[in-house]
Amino acid sequence: MPKQEYLKLPAVLEELEMSRAAFYRMRARGKGPKLTKLPNGQIRVSRAALDAWWASCEAAA
């Protein structure tokens, strides 16, 4: 079974071509990929969650 890839927030923002502020505004509206908060407070997004979110955006368009 392949290891799950987790992306740091700057990598996610770069892929989305979005600012951190815009990303958090989107999250506040209940949109965006599922986040994982690590015990040290850092945030990660799994590659699978990001890909699924992209697919749902394409389906909705």
PDB file of N, CA and C in Angstrom:
ATOM      1  N   MET A   1       0.847  -1.187   0.000  1.00  0.00           N
ATOM      2  CA  MET A   1       0.000   0.000   0.000  1.00  0.00           C
ATOM      3  C   MET A   1       0.890   1.248   0.000  1.00  0.00           C
ATOM      4  N   PRO A   2       0.654   2.176  -0.947  1.00  0.00           N
ATOM      5  CA  PRO A   2       1.511   3.363  -1.008  1.00  0.00           C
ATOM      6  C   PRO A   2       1.285   4.285   0.183  1.00  0.00           C
ATOM      7  N   LYS A   3       2.342   4.963   0.575  1.00  0.00           N
ATOM      8  CA  LYS A   3       2.267   5.897   1.704  1.00  0.00           C
ATOM      9  C   LYS A   3       1.476   7.136   1.288  1.00  0.00           C
ATOM     10  N   GLN A   4       0.614   7.599   2.185  1.00  0.00           N
ATOM     11  CA  GLN A   4      -0.198   8.787   1.921  1.00  0.00           C
ATOM     12  C   GLN A   4       0.703  10.019   1.914  1.00  0.00           C
ATOM     13  N   GLU A   5       0.550  10.867   0.908  1.00  0.00           N
ATOM     14  CA  GLU A   5       1.336  12.092   0.804  1.00  0.00           C
ATOM     15  C   GLU A   5       0.573  13.239   1.460  1.00  0.00           C
ATOM     16  N   TYR A   6       1.240  13.969   2.332  1.00  0.00           N
ATOM     17  CA  TYR A   6       0.651  15.146   2.970  1.00  0.00           C
ATOM     18  C   TYR A   6       1.420  16.378   2.533  1.00  0.00           C
ATOM     19  N   LEU A   7       0.684  17.398   2.112  1.00  0.00           N
ATOM     20  CA  LEU A   7       1.281  18.628   1.600  1.00  0.00           C
ATOM     21  C   LEU A   7       1.217  19.719   2.658  1.00  0.00           C
ATOM     22  N   LYS A   8       2.273  20.511   2.730  1.00  0.00           N
ATOM     23  CA  LYS A   8       2.261  21.677   3.607  1.00  0.00           C
ATOM     24  C   LYS A   8       1.414  22.761   2.945  1.00  0.00           C
ATOM     25  N   LEU A   9       0.891  23.652   3.751  1.00  0.00           N
ATOM     26  CA  LEU A   9      -0.007  24.684   3.246  1.00  0.00           C
ATOM     27  C   LEU A   9       0.612  25.530   2.129  1.00  0.00           C
ATOM     28  N   PRO A  10       1.884  25.956   2.210  1.00  0.00           N
ATOM     29  CA  PRO A  10       2.440  26.732   1.100  1.00  0.00           C
ATOM     30  C   PRO A  10       2.394  25.985  -0.243  1.00  0.00           C
ATOM     31  N   ALA A  11       2.600  24.676  -0.222  1.00  0.00           N
ATOM     32  CA  ALA A  11       2.537  23.889  -1.457  1.00  0.00           C
ATOM     33  C   ALA A  11       1.110  23.844  -1.998  1.00  0.00           C
ATOM     34  N   VAL A  12       0.138  23.736  -1.092  1.00  0.00           N
ATOM     35  CA  VAL A  12      -1.271  23.726  -1.503  1.00  0.00           C
ATOM     36  C   VAL A  12      -1.638  25.082  -2.101  1.00  0.00           C
ATOM     37  N   LEU A  13      -1.235  26.160  -1.442  1.00  0.00           N
ATOM     38  CA  LEU A  13      -1.540  27.504  -1.924  1.00  0.00           C
ATOM     39  C   LEU A  13      -0.919  27.744  -3.295  1.00  0.00           C
ATOM     40  N   GLU A  14       0.283  27.245  -3.503  1.00  0.00           N
ATOM     41  CA  GLU A  14       0.948  27.395  -4.799  1.00  0.00           C
ATOM     42  C   GLU A  14       0.176  26.637  -5.875  1.00  0.00           C
ATOM     43  N   GLU A  15      -0.250  25.421  -5.568  1.00  0.00           N
ATOM     44  CA  GLU A  15      -0.996  24.628  -6.539  1.00  0.00           C
ATOM     45  C   GLU A  15      -2.340  25.278  -6.871  1.00  0.00           C
ATOM     46  N   LEU A  16      -2.990  25.855  -5.860  1.00  0.00           N
ATOM     47  CA  LEU A  16      -4.288  26.507  -6.068  1.00  0.00           C
ATOM     48  C   LEU A  16      -4.144  27.909  -6.649  1.00  0.00           C
ATOM     49  N   GLU A  17      -2.919  28.433  -6.639  1.00  0.00           N
ATOM     50  CA  GLU A  17      -2.646  29.810  -7.053  1.00  0.00           C
ATOM     51  C   GLU A  17      -3.538  30.765  -6.267  1.00  0.00           C
ATOM     52  N   MET A  18      -3.447  30.647  -4.943  1.00  0.00           N
ATOM     53  CA  MET A  18      -4.323  31.381  -4.038  1.00  0.00           C
ATOM     54  C   MET A  18      -3.501  31.904  -2.869  1.00  0.00           C
ATOM     55  N   SER A  19      -3.899  33.069  -2.362  1.00  0.00           N
ATOM     56  CA  SER A  19      -3.220  33.604  -1.180  1.00  0.00           C
ATOM     57  C   SER A  19      -3.711  32.875   0.063  1.00  0.00           C
ATOM     58  N   ARG A  20      -2.938  32.969   1.122  1.00  0.00           N
ATOM     59  CA  ARG A  20      -3.313  32.339   2.393  1.00  0.00           C
ATOM     60  C   ARG A  20      -4.638  32.937   2.904  1.00  0.00           C
ATOM     61  N   ALA A  21      -4.787  34.259   2.780  1.00  0.00           N
ATOM     62  CA  ALA A  21      -6.008  34.916   3.252  1.00  0.00           C
ATOM     63  C   ALA A  21      -7.231  34.425   2.469  1.00  0.00           C
ATOM     64  N   ALA A  22      -7.103  34.326   1.149  1.00  0.00           N
ATOM     65  CA  ALA A  22      -8.217  33.850   0.321  1.00  0.00           C
ATOM     66  C   ALA A  22      -8.550  32.399   0.656  1.00  0.00           C
ATOM     67  N   PHE A  23      -7.519  31.601   0.924  1.00  0.00           N
ATOM     68  CA  PHE A  23      -7.739  30.196   1.275  1.00  0.00           C
ATOM     69  C   PHE A  23      -8.543  30.092   2.576  1.00  0.00           C
ATOM     70  N   TYR A  24      -8.167  30.881   3.582  1.00  0.00           N
ATOM     71  CA  TYR A  24      -8.880  30.823   4.857  1.00  0.00           C
ATOM     72  C   TYR A  24     -10.283  31.414   4.757  1.00  0.00           C
ATOM     73  N   ARG A  25     -10.490  32.418   3.873  1.00  0.00           N
ATOM     74  CA  ARG A  25     -11.854  32.919   3.647  1.00  0.00           C
ATOM     75  C   ARG A  25     -12.715  31.822   3.028  1.00  0.00           C
ATOM     76  N   MET A  26     -12.160  31.095   2.071  1.00  0.00           N
ATOM     77  CA  MET A  26     -12.876  29.993   1.440  1.00  0.00           C
ATOM     78  C   MET A  26     -13.211  28.922   2.481  1.00  0.00           C
ATOM     79  N   ARG A  27     -12.258  28.594   3.340  1.00  0.00           N
ATOM     80  CA  ARG A  27     -12.482  27.595   4.388  1.00  0.00           C
ATOM     81  C   ARG A  27     -13.554  28.066   5.370  1.00  0.00           C
ATOM     82  N   ALA A  28     -13.597  29.364   5.669  1.00  0.00           N
ATOM     83  CA  ALA A  28     -14.596  29.904   6.588  1.00  0.00           C
ATOM     84  C   ALA A  28     -16.004  29.763   6.010  1.00  0.00           C
ATOM     85  N   ARG A  29     -16.113  29.756   4.679  1.00  0.00           N
ATOM     86  CA  ARG A  29     -17.410  29.560   4.024  1.00  0.00           C
ATOM     87  C   ARG A  29     -17.757  28.082   3.887  1.00  0.00           C
ATOM     88  N   GLY A  30     -16.913  27.206   4.437  1.00  0.00           N
ATOM     89  CA  GLY A  30     -17.191  25.771   4.393  1.00  0.00           C
ATOM     90  C   GLY A  30     -16.756  25.106   3.104  1.00  0.00           C
ATOM     91  N   LYS A  31     -15.882  25.750   2.374  1.00  0.00           N
ATOM     92  CA  LYS A  31     -15.394  25.199   1.110  1.00  0.00           C
ATOM     93  C   LYS A  31     -13.921  24.830   1.272  1.00  0.00           C
ATOM     94  N   GLY A  32     -13.389  24.142   0.282  1.00  0.00           N
ATOM     95  CA  GLY A  32     -11.969  23.818   0.288  1.00  0.00           C
ATOM     96  C   GLY A  32     -11.700  22.389   0.700  1.00  0.00           C
ATOM     97  N   PRO A  33     -10.465  21.952   0.503  1.00  0.00           N
ATOM     98  CA  PRO A  33     -10.101  20.577   0.842  1.00  0.00           C
ATOM     99  C   PRO A  33     -10.050  20.361   2.353  1.00  0.00           C
ATOM    100  N   LYS A  34     -10.199  19.123   2.750  1.00  0.00           N
ATOM    101  CA  LYS A  34     -10.144  18.755   4.167  1.00  0.00           C
ATOM    102  C   LYS A  34      -8.719  18.947   4.686  1.00  0.00           C
ATOM    103  N   LEU A  35      -8.612  19.597   5.841  1.00  0.00           N
ATOM    104  CA  LEU A  35      -7.312  19.844   6.465  1.00  0.00           C
ATOM    105  C   LEU A  35      -7.065  18.827   7.563  1.00  0.00           C
ATOM    106  N   THR A  36      -5.785  18.549   7.806  1.00  0.00           N
ATOM    107  CA  THR A  36      -5.366  17.720   8.935  1.00  0.00           C
ATOM    108  C   THR A  36      -4.455  18.573   9.795  1.00  0.00           C
ATOM    109  N   LYS A  37      -4.822  18.715  11.069  1.00  0.00           N
ATOM    110  CA  LYS A  37      -3.993  19.491  11.990  1.00  0.00           C
ATOM    111  C   LYS A  37      -3.140  18.527  12.798  1.00  0.00           C
ATOM    112  N   LEU A  38      -1.849  18.724  12.747  1.00  0.00           N
ATOM    113  CA  LEU A  38      -0.908  17.878  13.466  1.00  0.00           C
ATOM    114  C   LEU A  38      -0.862  18.277  14.940  1.00  0.00           C
ATOM    115  N   PRO A  39      -0.379  17.395  15.802  1.00  0.00           N
ATOM    116  CA  PRO A  39      -0.296  17.718  17.237  1.00  0.00           C
ATOM    117  C   PRO A  39       0.518  18.981  17.535  1.00  0.00           C
ATOM    118  N   ASN A  40       1.469  19.319  16.678  1.00  0.00           N
ATOM    119  CA  ASN A  40       2.276  20.525  16.904  1.00  0.00           C
ATOM    120  C   ASN A  40       1.606  21.786  16.354  1.00  0.00           C
ATOM    121  N   GLY A  41       0.373  21.644  15.820  1.00  0.00           N
ATOM    122  CA  GLY A  41      -0.376  22.795  15.327  1.00  0.00           C
ATOM    123  C   GLY A  41      -0.225  23.060  13.843  1.00  0.00           C
ATOM    124  N   GLN A  42       0.712  22.400  13.199  1.00  0.00           N
ATOM    125  CA  GLN A  42       0.887  22.598  11.767  1.00  0.00           C
ATOM    126  C   GLN A  42      -0.268  21.966  10.996  1.00  0.00           C
ATOM    127  N   ILE A  43      -0.518  22.509   9.809  1.00  0.00           N
ATOM    128  CA  ILE A  43      -1.622  22.035   8.982  1.00  0.00           C
ATOM    129  C   ILE A  43      -1.067  21.329   7.756  1.00  0.00           C
ATOM    130  N   ARG A  44      -1.721  20.233   7.415  1.00  0.00           N
ATOM    131  CA  ARG A  44      -1.370  19.475   6.204  1.00  0.00           C
ATOM    132  C   ARG A  44      -2.661  19.171   5.450  1.00  0.00           C
ATOM    133  N   VAL A  45      -2.516  18.964   4.141  1.00  0.00           N
ATOM    134  CA  VAL A  45      -3.623  18.527   3.294  1.00  0.00           C
ATOM    135  C   VAL A  45      -3.144  17.269   2.591  1.00  0.00           C
ATOM    136  N   SER A  46      -3.924  16.207   2.685  1.00  0.00           N
ATOM    137  CA  SER A  46      -3.513  14.979   2.010  1.00  0.00           C
ATOM    138  C   SER A  46      -3.691  15.158   0.509  1.00  0.00           C
ATOM    139  N   ARG A  47      -2.828  14.534  -0.255  1.00  0.00           N
ATOM    140  CA  ARG A  47      -2.915  14.597  -1.710  1.00  0.00           C
ATOM    141  C   ARG A  47      -4.275  14.072  -2.166  1.00  0.00           C
ATOM    142  N   ALA A  48      -4.761  13.000  -1.525  1.00  0.00           N
ATOM    143  CA  ALA A  48      -6.052  12.411  -1.894  1.00  0.00           C
ATOM    144  C   ALA A  48      -7.191  13.404  -1.649  1.00  0.00           C
ATOM    145  N   ALA A  49      -7.156  14.125  -0.518  1.00  0.00           N
ATOM    146  CA  ALA A  49      -8.208  15.099  -0.210  1.00  0.00           C
ATOM    147  C   ALA A  49      -8.173  16.265  -1.192  1.00  0.00           C
ATOM    148  N   LEU A  50      -6.977  16.717  -1.546  1.00  0.00           N
ATOM    149  CA  LEU A  50      -6.855  17.821  -2.500  1.00  0.00           C
ATOM    150  C   LEU A  50      -7.353  17.399  -3.876  1.00  0.00           C
ATOM    151  N   ASP A  51      -6.963  16.209  -4.319  1.00  0.00           N
ATOM    152  CA  ASP A  51      -7.412  15.712  -5.625  1.00  0.00           C
ATOM    153  C   ASP A  51      -8.923  15.521  -5.654  1.00  0.00           C
ATOM    154  N   ALA A  52      -9.502  15.015  -4.563  1.00  0.00           N
ATOM    155  CA  ALA A  52     -10.954  14.820  -4.493  1.00  0.00           C
ATOM    156  C   ALA A  52     -11.668  16.167  -4.524  1.00  0.00           C
ATOM    157  N   TRP A  53     -11.118  17.154  -3.839  1.00  0.00           N
ATOM    158  CA  TRP A  53     -11.725  18.483  -3.838  1.00  0.00           C
ATOM    159  C   TRP A  53     -11.679  19.089  -5.235  1.00  0.00           C
ATOM    160  N   TRP A  54     -10.527  18.965  -5.931  1.00  0.00           N
ATOM    161  CA  TRP A  54     -10.414  19.447  -7.317  1.00  0.00           C
ATOM    162  C   TRP A  54     -11.471  18.785  -8.199  1.00  0.00           C
ATOM    163  N   ALA A  55     -11.633  17.475  -8.047  1.00  0.00           N
ATOM    164  CA  ALA A  55     -12.609  16.736  -8.855  1.00  0.00           C
ATOM    165  C   ALA A  55     -14.022  17.243  -8.581  1.00  0.00           C
ATOM    166  N   SER A  56     -14.341  17.529  -7.317  1.00  0.00           N
ATOM    167  CA  SER A  56     -15.681  18.027  -7.003  1.00  0.00           C
ATOM    168  C   SER A  56     -15.902  19.421  -7.585  1.00  0.00           C
ATOM    169  N   CYS A  57     -14.850  20.228  -7.652  1.00  0.00           N
ATOM    170  CA  CYS A  57     -14.960  21.564  -8.271  1.00  0.00           C
ATOM    171  C   CYS A  57     -15.216  21.434  -9.767  1.00  0.00           C
ATOM    172  N   GLU A  58     -14.527  20.508 -10.406  1.00  0.00           N
ATOM    173  CA  GLU A  58     -14.710  20.303 -11.845  1.00  0.00           C
ATOM    174  C   GLU A  58     -16.115  19.781 -12.135  1.00  0.00           C
ATOM    175  N   ALA A  59     -16.624  18.898 -11.284  1.00  0.00           N
ATOM    176  CA  ALA A  59     -17.964  18.335 -11.478  1.00  0.00           C
ATOM    177  C   ALA A  59     -19.031  19.410 -11.312  1.00  0.00           C
ATOM    178  N   ALA A  60     -18.795  20.361 -10.405  1.00  0.00           N
ATOM    179  CA  ALA A  60     -19.771  21.406 -10.130  1.00  0.00           C
ATOM    180  C   ALA A  60     -19.761  22.483 -11.217  1.00  0.00           C
ATOM    181  N   ALA A  61     -18.680  22.579 -11.963  1.00  0.00           N
ATOM    182  CA  ALA A  61     -18.548  23.640 -12.985  1.00  0.00           C
ATOM    183  C   ALA A  61     -19.379  23.344 -14.218  1.00  0.00           C
TER     184      ALA A  61
END
